[in-house]
């Protein structure tokens, strides 16, 4: 018996694995219209990409242009941190409702194929 099948059997013995196989784990939650909270979450994730590396590049260019290395030294990590905070806040808002049903469904599909 190969290692992947043994891992799948071990997962199937857990409470989460048994629930995923026994319940009707499906993706019906994705059929409903997303709420405003989800749209705000996606918006925050998009903003995080704008506030991330492009801002660091802008700070780098400005620090070279003005010959002030403190602009990139201080502004780079701050904008990187703000981008991460915005992304994780958006992930929390947008994905909280959808993560567990998707993981349960994916576990069910994987276990049915491997066991």
PDB file of N, CA and C in Angstrom:
ATOM      1  N   UNK A   1       0.859  -1.182   0.000  1.00  0.00           N
ATOM      2  CA  UNK A   1       0.000   0.000   0.000  1.00  0.00           C
ATOM      3  C   UNK A   1       0.902   1.240   0.000  1.00  0.00           C
ATOM      4  N   UNK A   2       0.626   2.179  -0.871  1.00  0.00           N
ATOM      5  CA  UNK A   2       1.506   3.338  -0.950  1.00  0.00           C
ATOM      6  C   UNK A   2       1.216   4.346   0.165  1.00  0.00           C
ATOM      7  N   UNK A   3       2.133   5.256   0.319  1.00  0.00           N
ATOM      8  CA  UNK A   3       2.085   6.210   1.436  1.00  0.00           C
ATOM      9  C   UNK A   3       0.894   7.157   1.325  1.00  0.00           C
ATOM     10  N   UNK A   4       0.518   7.546   0.119  1.00  0.00           N
ATOM     11  CA  UNK A   4      -0.598   8.479  -0.054  1.00  0.00           C
ATOM     12  C   UNK A   4      -1.914   7.829   0.396  1.00  0.00           C
ATOM     13  N   UNK A   5      -2.084   6.551   0.069  1.00  0.00           N
ATOM     14  CA  UNK A   5      -3.297   5.847   0.481  1.00  0.00           C
ATOM     15  C   UNK A   5      -3.340   5.689   2.001  1.00  0.00           C
ATOM     16  N   UNK A   6      -2.191   5.466   2.625  1.00  0.00           N
ATOM     17  CA  UNK A   6      -2.141   5.358   4.083  1.00  0.00           C
ATOM     18  C   UNK A   6      -2.497   6.686   4.742  1.00  0.00           C
ATOM     19  N   UNK A   7      -1.997   7.773   4.178  1.00  0.00           N
ATOM     20  CA  UNK A   7      -2.332   9.100   4.707  1.00  0.00           C
ATOM     21  C   UNK A   7      -3.827   9.353   4.564  1.00  0.00           C
ATOM     22  N   UNK A   8      -4.391   9.001   3.411  1.00  0.00           N
ATOM     23  CA  UNK A   8      -5.832   9.196   3.186  1.00  0.00           C
ATOM     24  C   UNK A   8      -6.654   8.365   4.161  1.00  0.00           C
ATOM     25  N   UNK A   9      -6.220   7.158   4.440  1.00  0.00           N
ATOM     26  CA  UNK A   9      -6.951   6.331   5.409  1.00  0.00           C
ATOM     27  C   UNK A   9      -6.844   6.914   6.812  1.00  0.00           C
ATOM     28  N   UNK A  10      -5.696   7.495   7.127  1.00  0.00           N
ATOM     29  CA  UNK A  10      -5.547   8.152   8.422  1.00  0.00           C
ATOM     30  C   UNK A  10      -6.450   9.362   8.549  1.00  0.00           C
ATOM     31  N   UNK A  11      -6.585  10.120   7.467  1.00  0.00           N
ATOM     32  CA  UNK A  11      -7.481  11.286   7.474  1.00  0.00           C
ATOM     33  C   UNK A  11      -8.931  10.829   7.595  1.00  0.00           C
ATOM     34  N   UNK A  12      -9.264   9.731   6.921  1.00  0.00           N
ATOM     35  CA  UNK A  12     -10.644   9.232   6.968  1.00  0.00           C
ATOM     36  C   UNK A  12     -11.031   8.761   8.363  1.00  0.00           C
ATOM     37  N   UNK A  13     -10.067   8.390   9.182  1.00  0.00           N
ATOM     38  CA  UNK A  13     -10.361   7.933  10.544  1.00  0.00           C
ATOM     39  C   UNK A  13     -10.598   9.090  11.516  1.00  0.00           C
ATOM     40  N   UNK A  14     -10.205  10.301  11.139  1.00  0.00           N
ATOM     41  CA  UNK A  14     -10.408  11.449  12.023  1.00  0.00           C
ATOM     42  C   UNK A  14     -11.873  11.861  12.017  1.00  0.00           C
ATOM     43  N   UNK A  15     -12.242  12.651  13.006  1.00  0.00           N
ATOM     44  CA  UNK A  15     -13.627  13.125  13.105  1.00  0.00           C
ATOM     45  C   UNK A  15     -13.989  13.972  11.886  1.00  0.00           C
ATOM     46  N   UNK A  16     -13.066  14.861  11.474  1.00  0.00           N
ATOM     47  CA  UNK A  16     -13.326  15.714  10.318  1.00  0.00           C
ATOM     48  C   UNK A  16     -13.492  14.877   9.052  1.00  0.00           C
ATOM     49  N   UNK A  17     -12.645  13.872   8.873  1.00  0.00           N
ATOM     50  CA  UNK A  17     -12.734  13.019   7.695  1.00  0.00           C
ATOM     51  C   UNK A  17     -14.021  12.227   7.654  1.00  0.00           C
ATOM     52  N   UNK A  18     -14.424  11.682   8.809  1.00  0.00           N
ATOM     53  CA  UNK A  18     -15.693  10.939   8.860  1.00  0.00           C
ATOM     54  C   UNK A  18     -16.868  11.853   8.558  1.00  0.00           C
ATOM     55  N   UNK A  19     -16.865  13.065   9.126  1.00  0.00           N
ATOM     56  CA  UNK A  19     -17.957  14.010   8.858  1.00  0.00           C
ATOM     57  C   UNK A  19     -18.005  14.401   7.390  1.00  0.00           C
ATOM     58  N   UNK A  20     -16.835  14.609   6.778  1.00  0.00           N
ATOM     59  CA  UNK A  20     -16.806  14.988   5.361  1.00  0.00           C
ATOM     60  C   UNK A  20     -17.364  13.873   4.491  1.00  0.00           C
ATOM     61  N   UNK A  21     -17.072  12.635   4.838  1.00  0.00           N
ATOM     62  CA  UNK A  21     -17.583  11.514   4.039  1.00  0.00           C
ATOM     63  C   UNK A  21     -19.060  11.244   4.300  1.00  0.00           C
ATOM     64  N   UNK A  22     -19.501  11.372   5.540  1.00  0.00           N
ATOM     65  CA  UNK A  22     -20.885  11.025   5.885  1.00  0.00           C
ATOM     66  C   UNK A  22     -21.879  12.136   5.584  1.00  0.00           C
ATOM     67  N   UNK A  23     -21.473  13.377   5.767  1.00  0.00           N
ATOM     68  CA  UNK A  23     -22.389  14.488   5.490  1.00  0.00           C
ATOM     69  C   UNK A  23     -22.466  14.719   3.987  1.00  0.00           C
ATOM     70  N   UNK A  24     -23.437  15.495   3.614  1.00  0.00           N
ATOM     71  CA  UNK A  24     -23.551  15.882   2.219  1.00  0.00           C
ATOM     72  C   UNK A  24     -22.711  17.136   2.008  1.00  0.00           C
ATOM     73  N   UNK A  25     -21.400  16.973   1.946  1.00  0.00           N
ATOM     74  CA  UNK A  25     -20.491  18.107   1.761  1.00  0.00           C
ATOM     75  C   UNK A  25     -20.533  18.526   0.302  1.00  0.00           C
ATOM     76  N   UNK A  26     -21.151  19.656   0.039  1.00  0.00           N
ATOM     77  CA  UNK A  26     -21.243  20.148  -1.331  1.00  0.00           C
ATOM     78  C   UNK A  26     -20.933  21.637  -1.359  1.00  0.00           C
ATOM     79  N   UNK A  27     -21.031  22.200  -2.525  1.00  0.00           N
ATOM     80  CA  UNK A  27     -20.654  23.605  -2.723  1.00  0.00           C
ATOM     81  C   UNK A  27     -21.873  24.498  -2.953  1.00  0.00           C
ATOM     82  N   UNK A  28     -22.993  24.198  -2.314  1.00  0.00           N
ATOM     83  CA  UNK A  28     -24.198  25.009  -2.516  1.00  0.00           C
ATOM     84  C   UNK A  28     -24.051  26.412  -1.942  1.00  0.00           C
ATOM     85  N   UNK A  29     -23.127  26.609  -1.015  1.00  0.00           N
ATOM     86  CA  UNK A  29     -22.936  27.937  -0.439  1.00  0.00           C
ATOM     87  C   UNK A  29     -22.457  28.932  -1.506  1.00  0.00           C
ATOM     88  N   UNK A  30     -21.844  28.427  -2.577  1.00  0.00           N
ATOM     89  CA  UNK A  30     -21.363  29.302  -3.646  1.00  0.00           C
ATOM     90  C   UNK A  30     -22.471  29.711  -4.614  1.00  0.00           C
ATOM     91  N   UNK A  31     -23.651  29.121  -4.497  1.00  0.00           N
ATOM     92  CA  UNK A  31     -24.762  29.484  -5.371  1.00  0.00           C
ATOM     93  C   UNK A  31     -25.461  30.768  -4.934  1.00  0.00           C
ATOM     94  N   UNK A  32     -25.293  31.143  -3.684  1.00  0.00           N
ATOM     95  CA  UNK A  32     -25.962  32.333  -3.167  1.00  0.00           C
ATOM     96  C   UNK A  32     -25.195  33.592  -3.566  1.00  0.00           C
ATOM     97  N   UNK A  33     -25.924  34.694  -3.634  1.00  0.00           N
ATOM     98  CA  UNK A  33     -25.308  35.971  -3.974  1.00  0.00           C
ATOM     99  C   UNK A  33     -24.406  36.411  -2.817  1.00  0.00           C
ATOM    100  N   UNK A  34     -23.172  36.863  -3.121  1.00  0.00           N
ATOM    101  CA  UNK A  34     -22.274  37.308  -2.056  1.00  0.00           C
ATOM    102  C   UNK A  34     -22.809  38.552  -1.351  1.00  0.00           C
ATOM    103  N   UNK A  35     -22.522  38.654  -0.073  1.00  0.00           N
ATOM    104  CA  UNK A  35     -22.977  39.804   0.706  1.00  0.00           C
ATOM    105  C   UNK A  35     -22.024  40.982   0.509  1.00  0.00           C
ATOM    106  N   UNK A  36     -22.414  42.107   1.067  1.00  0.00           N
ATOM    107  CA  UNK A  36     -21.566  43.300   0.994  1.00  0.00           C
ATOM    108  C   UNK A  36     -20.254  43.072   1.735  1.00  0.00           C
ATOM    109  N   UNK A  37     -20.286  42.262   2.775  1.00  0.00           N
ATOM    110  CA  UNK A  37     -19.075  41.941   3.528  1.00  0.00           C
ATOM    111  C   UNK A  37     -18.051  41.251   2.627  1.00  0.00           C
ATOM    112  N   UNK A  38     -18.515  40.363   1.778  1.00  0.00           N
ATOM    113  CA  UNK A  38     -17.618  39.664   0.861  1.00  0.00           C
ATOM    114  C   UNK A  38     -17.019  40.644  -0.139  1.00  0.00           C
ATOM    115  N   UNK A  39     -17.845  41.556  -0.659  1.00  0.00           N
ATOM    116  CA  UNK A  39     -17.325  42.548  -1.605  1.00  0.00           C
ATOM    117  C   UNK A  39     -16.297  43.460  -0.949  1.00  0.00           C
ATOM    118  N   UNK A  40     -16.526  43.849   0.300  1.00  0.00           N
ATOM    119  CA  UNK A  40     -15.542  44.659   1.014  1.00  0.00           C
ATOM    120  C   UNK A  40     -14.241  43.887   1.197  1.00  0.00           C
ATOM    121  N   UNK A  41     -14.353  42.603   1.480  1.00  0.00           N
ATOM    122  CA  UNK A  41     -13.166  41.777   1.636  1.00  0.00           C
ATOM    123  C   UNK A  41     -12.352  41.695   0.355  1.00  0.00           C
ATOM    124  N   UNK A  42     -13.025  41.485  -0.757  1.00  0.00           N
ATOM    125  CA  UNK A  42     -12.327  41.436  -2.044  1.00  0.00           C
ATOM    126  C   UNK A  42     -11.704  42.791  -2.361  1.00  0.00           C
ATOM    127  N   UNK A  43     -12.419  43.878  -2.058  1.00  0.00           N
ATOM    128  CA  UNK A  43     -11.880  45.217  -2.265  1.00  0.00           C
ATOM    129  C   UNK A  43     -10.606  45.434  -1.439  1.00  0.00           C
ATOM    130  N   UNK A  44     -10.623  45.010  -0.183  1.00  0.00           N
ATOM    131  CA  UNK A  44      -9.427  45.150   0.653  1.00  0.00           C
ATOM    132  C   UNK A  44      -8.256  44.332   0.116  1.00  0.00           C
ATOM    133  N   UNK A  45      -8.551  43.149  -0.394  1.00  0.00           N
ATOM    134  CA  UNK A  45      -7.465  42.346  -0.960  1.00  0.00           C
ATOM    135  C   UNK A  45      -6.880  43.008  -2.209  1.00  0.00           C
ATOM    136  N   UNK A  46      -7.727  43.610  -3.022  1.00  0.00           N
ATOM    137  CA  UNK A  46      -7.221  44.326  -4.195  1.00  0.00           C
ATOM    138  C   UNK A  46      -6.392  45.534  -3.793  1.00  0.00           C
ATOM    139  N   UNK A  47      -6.858  46.267  -2.792  1.00  0.00           N
ATOM    140  CA  UNK A  47      -6.116  47.433  -2.307  1.00  0.00           C
ATOM    141  C   UNK A  47      -4.759  47.009  -1.760  1.00  0.00           C
ATOM    142  N   UNK A  48      -4.706  45.824  -1.140  1.00  0.00           N
ATOM    143  CA  UNK A  48      -3.434  45.371  -0.574  1.00  0.00           C
ATOM    144  C   UNK A  48      -2.382  45.188  -1.663  1.00  0.00           C
ATOM    145  N   UNK A  49      -2.801  44.774  -2.858  1.00  0.00           N
ATOM    146  CA  UNK A  49      -1.840  44.635  -3.949  1.00  0.00           C
ATOM    147  C   UNK A  49      -1.349  46.000  -4.430  1.00  0.00           C
ATOM    148  N   UNK A  50      -2.225  46.984  -4.396  1.00  0.00           N
ATOM    149  CA  UNK A  50      -1.823  48.334  -4.795  1.00  0.00           C
ATOM    150  C   UNK A  50      -0.908  48.951  -3.741  1.00  0.00           C
ATOM    151  N   UNK A  51      -1.165  48.655  -2.484  1.00  0.00           N
ATOM    152  CA  UNK A  51      -0.375  49.238  -1.399  1.00  0.00           C
ATOM    153  C   UNK A  51       0.911  48.456  -1.141  1.00  0.00           C
ATOM    154  N   UNK A  52       1.096  47.321  -1.760  1.00  0.00           N
ATOM    155  CA  UNK A  52       2.251  46.478  -1.495  1.00  0.00           C
ATOM    156  C   UNK A  52       3.471  46.881  -2.309  1.00  0.00           C
ATOM    157  N   UNK A  53       3.837  46.015  -3.236  1.00  0.00           N
ATOM    158  CA  UNK A  53       5.081  46.216  -3.980  1.00  0.00           C
ATOM    159  C   UNK A  53       5.117  47.490  -4.828  1.00  0.00           C
ATOM    160  N   UNK A  54       4.028  47.925  -5.472  1.00  0.00           N
ATOM    161  CA  UNK A  54       4.118  49.191  -6.209  1.00  0.00           C
ATOM    162  C   UNK A  54       4.474  50.386  -5.314  1.00  0.00           C
ATOM    163  N   UNK A  55       3.938  50.402  -4.089  1.00  0.00           N
ATOM    164  CA  UNK A  55       4.292  51.488  -3.170  1.00  0.00           C
ATOM    165  C   UNK A  55       5.756  51.402  -2.758  1.00  0.00           C
ATOM    166  N   UNK A  56       6.249  50.190  -2.546  1.00  0.00           N
ATOM    167  CA  UNK A  56       7.659  50.020  -2.203  1.00  0.00           C
ATOM    168  C   UNK A  56       8.537  50.481  -3.369  1.00  0.00           C
ATOM    169  N   UNK A  57       8.125  50.157  -4.585  1.00  0.00           N
ATOM    170  CA  UNK A  57       8.856  50.640  -5.756  1.00  0.00           C
ATOM    171  C   UNK A  57       8.830  52.154  -5.858  1.00  0.00           C
ATOM    172  N   UNK A  58       7.681  52.753  -5.565  1.00  0.00           N
ATOM    173  CA  UNK A  58       7.575  54.210  -5.576  1.00  0.00           C
ATOM    174  C   UNK A  58       8.473  54.828  -4.518  1.00  0.00           C
ATOM    175  N   UNK A  59       8.462  54.250  -3.307  1.00  0.00           N
ATOM    176  CA  UNK A  59       9.343  54.761  -2.254  1.00  0.00           C
ATOM    177  C   UNK A  59      10.807  54.607  -2.642  1.00  0.00           C
ATOM    178  N   UNK A  60      11.150  53.512  -3.307  1.00  0.00           N
ATOM    179  CA  UNK A  60      12.527  53.320  -3.760  1.00  0.00           C
ATOM    180  C   UNK A  60      12.931  54.355  -4.791  1.00  0.00           C
ATOM    181  N   UNK A  61      12.036  54.623  -5.743  1.00  0.00           N
ATOM    182  CA  UNK A  61      12.334  55.625  -6.767  1.00  0.00           C
ATOM    183  C   UNK A  61      12.448  57.015  -6.148  1.00  0.00           C
ATOM    184  N   UNK A  62      11.537  57.336  -5.216  1.00  0.00           N
ATOM    185  CA  UNK A  62      11.603  58.644  -4.568  1.00  0.00           C
ATOM    186  C   UNK A  62      12.862  58.787  -3.721  1.00  0.00           C
ATOM    187  N   UNK A  63      13.273  57.716  -3.059  1.00  0.00           N
ATOM    188  CA  UNK A  63      14.481  57.806  -2.240  1.00  0.00           C
ATOM    189  C   UNK A  63      15.726  57.982  -3.114  1.00  0.00           C
ATOM    190  N   UNK A  64      15.725  57.398  -4.295  1.00  0.00           N
ATOM    191  CA  UNK A  64      16.845  57.623  -5.213  1.00  0.00           C
ATOM    192  C   UNK A  64      16.809  59.033  -5.799  1.00  0.00           C
ATOM    193  N   UNK A  65      15.627  59.484  -6.149  1.00  0.00           N
ATOM    194  CA  UNK A  65      15.491  60.808  -6.761  1.00  0.00           C
ATOM    195  C   UNK A  65      15.879  61.920  -5.796  1.00  0.00           C
ATOM    196  N   UNK A  66      15.422  61.814  -4.549  1.00  0.00           N
ATOM    197  CA  UNK A  66      15.692  62.844  -3.550  1.00  0.00           C
ATOM    198  C   UNK A  66      16.952  62.561  -2.731  1.00  0.00           C
ATOM    199  N   UNK A  67      17.609  61.437  -3.015  1.00  0.00           N
ATOM    200  CA  UNK A  67      18.818  61.026  -2.291  1.00  0.00           C
ATOM    201  C   UNK A  67      18.592  60.976  -0.779  1.00  0.00           C
ATOM    202  N   UNK A  68      17.442  60.415  -0.406  1.00  0.00           N
ATOM    203  CA  UNK A  68      17.060  60.216   0.995  1.00  0.00           C
ATOM    204  C   UNK A  68      16.787  58.730   1.228  1.00  0.00           C
ATOM    205  N   UNK A  69      17.779  57.977   1.696  1.00  0.00           N
ATOM    206  CA  UNK A  69      17.565  56.542   1.868  1.00  0.00           C
ATOM    207  C   UNK A  69      16.552  56.186   2.955  1.00  0.00           C
ATOM    208  N   UNK A  70      16.256  57.127   3.858  1.00  0.00           N
ATOM    209  CA  UNK A  70      15.284  56.835   4.908  1.00  0.00           C
ATOM    210  C   UNK A  70      13.871  56.655   4.365  1.00  0.00           C
ATOM    211  N   UNK A  71      13.598  57.196   3.178  1.00  0.00           N
ATOM    212  CA  UNK A  71      12.266  57.043   2.589  1.00  0.00           C
ATOM    213  C   UNK A  71      11.978  55.568   2.351  1.00  0.00           C
ATOM    214  N   UNK A  72      12.913  54.844   1.729  1.00  0.00           N
ATOM    215  CA  UNK A  72      12.694  53.425   1.471  1.00  0.00           C
ATOM    216  C   UNK A  72      12.933  52.599   2.724  1.00  0.00           C
ATOM    217  N   UNK A  73      13.859  53.044   3.569  1.00  0.00           N
ATOM    218  CA  UNK A  73      14.172  52.295   4.786  1.00  0.00           C
ATOM    219  C   UNK A  73      12.992  52.252   5.741  1.00  0.00           C
ATOM    220  N   UNK A  74      12.275  53.343   5.854  1.00  0.00           N
ATOM    221  CA  UNK A  74      11.130  53.406   6.764  1.00  0.00           C
ATOM    222  C   UNK A  74       9.821  53.132   6.023  1.00  0.00           C
ATOM    223  N   UNK A  75       9.652  53.741   4.866  1.00  0.00           N
ATOM    224  CA  UNK A  75       8.389  53.613   4.131  1.00  0.00           C
ATOM    225  C   UNK A  75       8.150  52.232   3.541  1.00  0.00           C
ATOM    226  N   UNK A  76       9.216  51.539   3.134  1.00  0.00           N
ATOM    227  CA  UNK A  76       9.073  50.216   2.546  1.00  0.00           C
ATOM    228  C   UNK A  76       8.453  49.205   3.497  1.00  0.00           C
ATOM    229  N   UNK A  77       9.051  48.997   4.664  1.00  0.00           N
ATOM    230  CA  UNK A  77       8.452  48.033   5.598  1.00  0.00           C
ATOM    231  C   UNK A  77       7.067  48.448   6.096  1.00  0.00           C
ATOM    232  N   UNK A  78       6.846  49.739   6.257  1.00  0.00           N
ATOM    233  CA  UNK A  78       5.526  50.183   6.712  1.00  0.00           C
ATOM    234  C   UNK A  78       4.465  49.869   5.655  1.00  0.00           C
ATOM    235  N   UNK A  79       4.748  50.174   4.382  1.00  0.00           N
ATOM    236  CA  UNK A  79       3.754  49.890   3.340  1.00  0.00           C
ATOM    237  C   UNK A  79       3.576  48.385   3.155  1.00  0.00           C
ATOM    238  N   UNK A  80       4.645  47.617   3.326  1.00  0.00           N
ATOM    239  CA  UNK A  80       4.543  46.160   3.240  1.00  0.00           C
ATOM    240  C   UNK A  80       3.664  45.612   4.365  1.00  0.00           C
ATOM    241  N   UNK A  81       3.838  46.146   5.568  1.00  0.00           N
ATOM    242  CA  UNK A  81       3.012  45.728   6.706  1.00  0.00           C
ATOM    243  C   UNK A  81       1.558  46.105   6.530  1.00  0.00           C
ATOM    244  N   UNK A  82       1.302  47.314   6.051  1.00  0.00           N
ATOM    245  CA  UNK A  82      -0.075  47.763   5.824  1.00  0.00           C
ATOM    246  C   UNK A  82      -0.742  46.899   4.751  1.00  0.00           C
ATOM    247  N   UNK A  83       0.021  46.540   3.716  1.00  0.00           N
ATOM    248  CA  UNK A  83      -0.536  45.690   2.661  1.00  0.00           C
ATOM    249  C   UNK A  83      -0.907  44.322   3.219  1.00  0.00           C
ATOM    250  N   UNK A  84      -0.082  43.762   4.093  1.00  0.00           N
ATOM    251  CA  UNK A  84      -0.398  42.467   4.682  1.00  0.00           C
ATOM    252  C   UNK A  84      -1.630  42.549   5.591  1.00  0.00           C
ATOM    253  N   UNK A  85      -1.705  43.585   6.367  1.00  0.00           N
ATOM    254  CA  UNK A  85      -2.864  43.754   7.250  1.00  0.00           C
ATOM    255  C   UNK A  85      -4.140  43.881   6.426  1.00  0.00           C
ATOM    256  N   UNK A  86      -4.084  44.670   5.351  1.00  0.00           N
ATOM    257  CA  UNK A  86      -5.257  44.833   4.486  1.00  0.00           C
ATOM    258  C   UNK A  86      -5.630  43.509   3.830  1.00  0.00           C
ATOM    259  N   UNK A  87      -4.640  42.740   3.383  1.00  0.00           N
ATOM    260  CA  UNK A  87      -4.934  41.466   2.738  1.00  0.00           C
ATOM    261  C   UNK A  87      -5.576  40.487   3.714  1.00  0.00           C
ATOM    262  N   UNK A  88      -5.025  40.373   4.926  1.00  0.00           N
ATOM    263  CA  UNK A  88      -5.583  39.433   5.888  1.00  0.00           C
ATOM    264  C   UNK A  88      -6.967  39.859   6.367  1.00  0.00           C
ATOM    265  N   UNK A  89      -7.204  41.169   6.481  1.00  0.00           N
ATOM    266  CA  UNK A  89      -8.541  41.641   6.833  1.00  0.00           C
ATOM    267  C   UNK A  89      -9.524  41.303   5.713  1.00  0.00           C
ATOM    268  N   UNK A  90      -9.111  41.500   4.469  1.00  0.00           N
ATOM    269  CA  UNK A  90      -9.967  41.149   3.337  1.00  0.00           C
ATOM    270  C   UNK A  90     -10.212  39.663   3.240  1.00  0.00           C
ATOM    271  N   UNK A  91      -9.197  38.875   3.537  1.00  0.00           N
ATOM    272  CA  UNK A  91      -9.358  37.420   3.536  1.00  0.00           C
ATOM    273  C   UNK A  91     -10.340  36.983   4.608  1.00  0.00           C
ATOM    274  N   UNK A  92     -10.257  37.607   5.763  1.00  0.00           N
ATOM    275  CA  UNK A  92     -11.188  37.290   6.846  1.00  0.00           C
ATOM    276  C   UNK A  92     -12.621  37.650   6.455  1.00  0.00           C
ATOM    277  N   UNK A  93     -12.800  38.827   5.858  1.00  0.00           N
ATOM    278  CA  UNK A  93     -14.148  39.266   5.486  1.00  0.00           C
ATOM    279  C   UNK A  93     -14.713  38.465   4.320  1.00  0.00           C
ATOM    280  N   UNK A  94     -13.890  38.195   3.321  1.00  0.00           N
ATOM    281  CA  UNK A  94     -14.401  37.568   2.102  1.00  0.00           C
ATOM    282  C   UNK A  94     -14.474  36.053   2.195  1.00  0.00           C
ATOM    283  N   UNK A  95     -13.555  35.431   2.903  1.00  0.00           N
ATOM    284  CA  UNK A  95     -13.480  33.993   2.824  1.00  0.00           C
ATOM    285  C   UNK A  95     -13.998  33.235   4.011  1.00  0.00           C
ATOM    286  N   UNK A  96     -14.340  33.901   5.080  1.00  0.00           N
ATOM    287  CA  UNK A  96     -14.746  33.207   6.287  1.00  0.00           C
ATOM    288  C   UNK A  96     -15.926  32.273   6.099  1.00  0.00           C
ATOM    289  N   UNK A  97     -16.847  32.668   5.289  1.00  0.00           N
ATOM    290  CA  UNK A  97     -18.068  31.881   5.078  1.00  0.00           C
ATOM    291  C   UNK A  97     -17.842  30.719   4.111  1.00  0.00           C
ATOM    292  N   UNK A  98     -16.822  30.817   3.281  1.00  0.00           N
ATOM    293  CA  UNK A  98     -16.641  29.863   2.197  1.00  0.00           C
ATOM    294  C   UNK A  98     -15.520  28.857   2.432  1.00  0.00           C
ATOM    295  N   UNK A  99     -14.650  29.111   3.380  1.00  0.00           N
ATOM    296  CA  UNK A  99     -13.471  28.266   3.532  1.00  0.00           C
ATOM    297  C   UNK A  99     -13.829  26.854   3.990  1.00  0.00           C
ATOM    298  N   UNK A 100     -14.551  26.726   5.085  1.00  0.00           N
ATOM    299  CA  UNK A 100     -14.834  25.390   5.634  1.00  0.00           C
ATOM    300  C   UNK A 100     -15.701  24.531   4.707  1.00  0.00           C
ATOM    301  N   UNK A 101     -16.750  25.049   4.078  1.00  0.00           N
ATOM    302  CA  UNK A 101     -17.479  24.190   3.131  1.00  0.00           C
ATOM    303  C   UNK A 101     -16.599  23.704   1.975  1.00  0.00           C
ATOM    304  N   UNK A 102     -15.701  24.564   1.509  1.00  0.00           N
ATOM    305  CA  UNK A 102     -14.811  24.149   0.420  1.00  0.00           C
ATOM    306  C   UNK A 102     -13.823  23.087   0.888  1.00  0.00           C
ATOM    307  N   UNK A 103     -13.236  23.264   2.069  1.00  0.00           N
ATOM    308  CA  UNK A 103     -12.277  22.283   2.587  1.00  0.00           C
ATOM    309  C   UNK A 103     -12.980  20.947   2.855  1.00  0.00           C
ATOM    310  N   UNK A 104     -14.180  20.994   3.391  1.00  0.00           N
ATOM    311  CA  UNK A 104     -14.934  19.760   3.653  1.00  0.00           C
ATOM    312  C   UNK A 104     -15.243  19.043   2.340  1.00  0.00           C
ATOM    313  N   UNK A 105     -15.670  19.787   1.327  1.00  0.00           N
ATOM    314  CA  UNK A 105     -15.963  19.190   0.025  1.00  0.00           C
ATOM    315  C   UNK A 105     -14.696  18.614  -0.609  1.00  0.00           C
ATOM    316  N   UNK A 106     -13.586  19.361  -0.559  1.00  0.00           N
ATOM    317  CA  UNK A 106     -12.334  18.881  -1.146  1.00  0.00           C
ATOM    318  C   UNK A 106     -11.837  17.624  -0.432  1.00  0.00           C
ATOM    319  N   UNK A 107     -12.011  17.572   0.891  1.00  0.00           N
ATOM    320  CA  UNK A 107     -11.621  16.381   1.652  1.00  0.00           C
ATOM    321  C   UNK A 107     -12.468  15.195   1.231  1.00  0.00           C
ATOM    322  N   UNK A 108     -13.755  15.406   1.073  1.00  0.00           N
ATOM    323  CA  UNK A 108     -14.655  14.326   0.656  1.00  0.00           C
ATOM    324  C   UNK A 108     -14.259  13.791  -0.711  1.00  0.00           C
ATOM    325  N   UNK A 109     -14.009  14.680  -1.654  1.00  0.00           N
ATOM    326  CA  UNK A 109     -13.639  14.258  -3.017  1.00  0.00           C
ATOM    327  C   UNK A 109     -12.306  13.505  -2.993  1.00  0.00           C
ATOM    328  N   UNK A 110     -11.332  14.039  -2.254  1.00  0.00           N
ATOM    329  CA  UNK A 110     -10.007  13.394  -2.202  1.00  0.00           C
ATOM    330  C   UNK A 110     -10.099  12.013  -1.566  1.00  0.00           C
ATOM    331  N   UNK A 111     -10.816  11.920  -0.458  1.00  0.00           N
ATOM    332  CA  UNK A 111     -10.906  10.624   0.225  1.00  0.00           C
ATOM    333  C   UNK A 111     -11.643   9.588  -0.601  1.00  0.00           C
ATOM    334  N   UNK A 112     -12.678   9.995  -1.325  1.00  0.00           N
ATOM    335  CA  UNK A 112     -13.410   9.039  -2.163  1.00  0.00           C
ATOM    336  C   UNK A 112     -12.527   8.519  -3.293  1.00  0.00           C
ATOM    337  N   UNK A 113     -11.623   9.342  -3.804  1.00  0.00           N
ATOM    338  CA  UNK A 113     -10.744   8.896  -4.885  1.00  0.00           C
ATOM    339  C   UNK A 113      -9.623   8.012  -4.376  1.00  0.00           C
ATOM    340  N   UNK A 114      -9.137   8.277  -3.167  1.00  0.00           N
ATOM    341  CA  UNK A 114      -7.958   7.566  -2.690  1.00  0.00           C
ATOM    342  C   UNK A 114      -8.255   6.318  -1.883  1.00  0.00           C
ATOM    343  N   UNK A 115      -9.456   6.230  -1.327  1.00  0.00           N
ATOM    344  CA  UNK A 115      -9.760   5.061  -0.486  1.00  0.00           C
ATOM    345  C   UNK A 115     -10.525   4.021  -1.269  1.00  0.00           C
TER     346      UNK A 115
END
